[in-house]
Amino acid sequence: MADKYRLFIAIELEKVLKGKLEKIQNILRDCSLKVKWVDKNNFHITLKFLGEVSQGELSDINEKILEVTEKVSSFKVQIKGLGAFPNLDYPKVIWTGIEEGQEELISLHKYLEEVMINLGFKAENNKYRPHITLGRTSRKEKNFSLISKRLKEFPFKIDFYQEVKKISLIKSRLTSKGPIYTSLAEFKL
């Protein structure tokens, strides 16, 4: 049986930006709520989750991503503010949002979604909302008042920029200590 990889397409973040996002996590970390914080090396902006993929499908995936990136120019994203899914009163996923560059990310996601559907991948059920996940609360957590208040009253302005010049095809290997991400290929815009 051929090897299977758990893959997604994403924008990797610059090291300096990852450090700034880690500082935000540290300010939020002292809440009594049980949160599984994303390792700073794993911060990214997901464009398309592919799921389990056989090694034999990689060349077709790479070809389709290249097809998309040849039509897209580099652009700037502004990372701004804090939020949560489904909402700030019930924060299951804690994130920082994207303001400038959101339209470009949505278009890029749409192009990738179309070409990957043509390869047989499933369409995403939820509307695409560009963000960077900082942490996920425990499934057993019932009291969100402290983290909710902290998110709503965060003491510092979150306003960072990054130029998006490439996207990556990333392999995710799940472990007991969290996922390990490995970039398999990069595609310049």
Protein backbone atom coordinates (compact mmCIF):
# COMPACT_ATOMS: atom_id res chain seq x y z
CA MET A 1 0.00 0.00 0.00
CA ALA A 2 1.33 3.43 -0.98
CA ASP A 3 2.30 5.94 1.68
CA LYS A 4 -0.39 8.44 2.64
CA TYR A 5 0.26 12.00 3.70
CA ARG A 6 -2.02 14.40 5.56
CA LEU A 7 -1.65 17.59 3.50
CA PHE A 8 -2.76 21.19 3.36
CA ILE A 9 -1.87 24.28 1.34
CA ALA A 10 -0.89 27.34 3.34
CA ILE A 11 1.02 30.56 3.68
CA GLU A 12 3.93 30.15 6.06
CA LEU A 13 4.69 33.06 8.36
CA GLU A 14 7.99 34.87 8.82
CA LYS A 15 10.01 34.05 11.94
CA VAL A 16 9.64 37.60 13.38
CA LEU A 17 5.87 37.46 12.98
CA LYS A 18 5.74 34.04 14.67
CA GLY A 19 7.59 35.53 17.64
CA LYS A 20 5.05 38.37 17.91
CA LEU A 21 2.15 35.91 17.81
CA GLU A 22 3.80 33.82 20.52
CA LYS A 23 3.92 36.93 22.75
CA ILE A 24 0.16 37.33 22.27
CA GLN A 25 -0.31 33.69 23.30
CA ASN A 26 1.79 34.29 26.43
CA ILE A 27 -0.46 37.18 27.48
CA LEU A 28 -3.53 34.96 27.02
CA ARG A 29 -1.88 31.84 28.47
CA ASP A 30 -2.36 32.68 32.15
CA CYS A 31 -6.14 32.25 31.92
CA SER A 32 -7.36 29.30 33.98
CA LEU A 33 -9.02 27.86 30.89
CA LYS A 34 -7.45 24.75 29.41
CA VAL A 35 -6.16 25.76 25.99
CA LYS A 36 -3.96 23.74 23.66
CA TRP A 37 -1.76 26.50 22.23
CA VAL A 38 -0.36 26.17 18.72
CA ASP A 39 3.43 25.83 18.68
CA LYS A 40 4.93 29.03 17.26
CA ASN A 41 6.68 27.05 14.51
CA ASN A 42 3.27 25.87 13.27
CA PHE A 43 1.64 29.30 12.78
CA HIS A 44 0.31 29.64 9.22
CA ILE A 45 -2.66 30.79 7.15
CA THR A 46 -4.46 27.75 5.74
CA LEU A 47 -5.66 28.09 2.16
CA LYS A 48 -6.96 24.56 1.51
CA PHE A 49 -6.98 21.39 3.61
CA LEU A 50 -6.52 18.30 1.43
CA GLY A 51 -6.55 15.51 4.02
CA GLU A 52 -5.08 12.07 3.36
CA VAL A 53 -3.26 11.96 0.03
CA SER A 54 -1.31 9.13 -1.60
CA GLN A 55 2.24 9.73 -2.75
CA GLY A 56 1.12 9.08 -6.33
CA GLU A 57 -1.18 12.13 -6.25
CA LEU A 58 1.58 14.60 -5.33
CA SER A 59 2.70 15.47 -8.87
CA ASP A 60 -0.87 16.31 -9.95
CA ILE A 61 -1.39 18.43 -6.83
CA ASN A 62 1.90 20.28 -7.40
CA GLU A 63 0.96 20.88 -11.04
CA LYS A 64 -2.43 22.37 -10.09
CA ILE A 65 -0.95 24.60 -7.38
CA LEU A 66 1.63 25.87 -9.89
CA GLU A 67 -1.19 26.55 -12.35
CA VAL A 68 -2.87 28.76 -9.73
CA THR A 69 0.24 30.57 -8.49
CA GLU A 70 1.31 31.51 -12.02
CA LYS A 71 -1.88 33.64 -12.22
CA VAL A 72 -1.52 35.34 -8.81
CA SER A 73 0.79 38.21 -7.84
CA SER A 74 2.37 38.71 -4.44
CA PHE A 75 0.38 40.80 -1.96
CA LYS A 76 0.50 42.07 1.60
CA VAL A 77 -1.55 40.77 4.53
CA GLN A 78 -2.32 42.68 7.69
CA ILE A 79 -2.72 40.53 10.80
CA LYS A 80 -5.06 42.43 13.06
CA GLY A 81 -7.19 41.79 16.14
CA LEU A 82 -8.27 38.71 18.05
CA GLY A 83 -11.32 36.55 17.55
CA ALA A 84 -12.75 33.12 18.15
CA PHE A 85 -14.86 30.46 16.47
CA PRO A 86 -17.77 30.18 16.86
CA ASN A 87 -17.71 33.52 18.76
CA LEU A 88 -15.98 35.42 21.59
CA ASP A 89 -18.48 34.21 24.21
CA TYR A 90 -17.86 30.55 23.31
CA PRO A 91 -14.21 30.53 22.11
CA LYS A 92 -13.44 27.01 20.90
CA VAL A 93 -10.77 28.23 18.43
CA ILE A 94 -8.79 31.37 19.33
CA TRP A 95 -7.33 33.26 16.39
CA THR A 96 -5.92 36.49 15.06
CA GLY A 97 -7.58 37.84 11.95
CA ILE A 98 -6.57 39.14 8.56
CA GLU A 99 -7.69 42.60 7.51
CA GLU A 100 -5.72 43.86 4.50
CA GLY A 101 -5.19 41.06 1.98
CA GLN A 102 -8.38 39.25 2.93
CA GLU A 103 -9.85 39.55 -0.58
CA GLU A 104 -6.67 38.18 -2.13
CA LEU A 105 -6.66 35.25 0.30
CA ILE A 106 -10.31 34.48 -0.44
CA SER A 107 -9.61 34.56 -4.20
CA LEU A 108 -6.54 32.35 -3.80
CA HIS A 109 -8.58 29.90 -1.71
CA LYS A 110 -11.32 29.89 -4.36
CA TYR A 111 -8.84 29.13 -7.19
CA LEU A 112 -7.22 26.34 -5.16
CA GLU A 113 -10.63 24.95 -4.20
CA GLU A 114 -11.67 24.78 -7.87
CA VAL A 115 -8.53 23.04 -9.13
CA MET A 116 -8.48 20.59 -6.22
CA ILE A 117 -12.15 19.68 -6.73
CA ASN A 118 -11.18 18.87 -10.33
CA LEU A 119 -8.61 16.45 -8.91
CA GLY A 120 -11.32 14.75 -6.82
CA PHE A 121 -10.88 16.51 -3.47
CA LYS A 122 -13.96 17.48 -1.49
CA ALA A 123 -15.24 21.03 -1.42
CA GLU A 124 -15.11 22.72 1.97
CA ASN A 125 -18.44 22.94 3.76
CA ASN A 126 -17.77 26.15 5.68
CA LYS A 127 -17.23 29.62 4.28
CA TYR A 128 -13.51 30.38 4.09
CA ARG A 129 -12.44 32.90 6.76
CA PRO A 130 -8.70 33.67 6.66
CA HIS A 131 -7.11 33.60 10.12
CA ILE A 132 -4.14 32.32 12.12
CA THR A 133 -5.08 29.83 14.83
CA LEU A 134 -3.41 30.59 18.18
CA GLY A 135 -5.07 27.87 20.28
CA ARG A 136 -8.02 25.56 20.84
CA THR A 137 -9.94 25.19 24.07
CA SER A 138 -10.51 21.80 25.64
CA ARG A 139 -13.61 19.97 24.40
CA LYS A 140 -14.61 19.50 28.04
CA GLU A 141 -14.36 23.19 28.92
CA LYS A 142 -17.65 24.77 30.01
CA ASN A 143 -16.60 28.10 31.58
CA PHE A 144 -15.34 30.55 28.98
CA SER A 145 -15.87 33.79 30.92
CA LEU A 146 -12.19 34.48 31.72
CA ILE A 147 -10.77 33.84 28.25
CA SER A 148 -13.75 35.58 26.67
CA LYS A 149 -13.14 38.69 28.79
CA ARG A 150 -9.38 38.57 28.04
CA LEU A 151 -10.02 38.36 24.30
CA LYS A 152 -12.51 41.24 24.36
CA GLU A 153 -10.24 43.44 26.50
CA PHE A 154 -6.85 42.50 25.07
CA PRO A 155 -4.44 45.24 26.26
CA PHE A 156 -2.29 45.66 23.15
CA LYS A 157 -2.90 46.59 19.54
CA ILE A 158 -2.39 43.68 17.16
CA ASP A 159 -1.35 45.10 13.81
CA PHE A 160 1.37 43.25 11.87
CA TYR A 161 2.16 42.94 8.17
CA GLN A 162 3.69 40.28 5.97
CA GLU A 163 4.33 40.20 2.25
CA VAL A 164 2.91 37.00 0.71
CA LYS A 165 5.33 35.92 -2.00
CA LYS A 166 4.75 32.15 -1.98
CA ILE A 167 2.47 29.39 -0.80
CA SER A 168 3.47 25.96 0.47
CA LEU A 169 2.24 22.39 0.30
CA ILE A 170 2.63 21.13 3.86
CA LYS A 171 2.63 17.65 5.33
CA SER A 172 1.13 17.31 8.80
CA ARG A 173 2.14 14.37 10.96
CA LEU A 174 -0.02 14.03 14.06
CA THR A 175 1.77 13.10 17.29
CA SER A 176 0.80 12.96 20.97
CA LYS A 177 2.69 16.25 21.49
CA GLY A 178 0.91 17.97 18.61
CA PRO A 179 1.30 18.11 14.83
CA ILE A 180 4.66 18.31 13.10
CA TYR A 181 4.59 20.28 9.85
CA THR A 182 7.00 19.75 6.98
CA SER A 183 6.97 21.87 3.83
CA LEU A 184 7.03 19.55 0.81
CA ALA A 185 7.04 22.24 -1.89
CA GLU A 186 6.94 26.02 -2.25
CA PHE A 187 5.30 27.92 -5.09
CA LYS A 188 6.22 31.55 -5.81
CA LEU A 189 3.45 34.02 -6.63
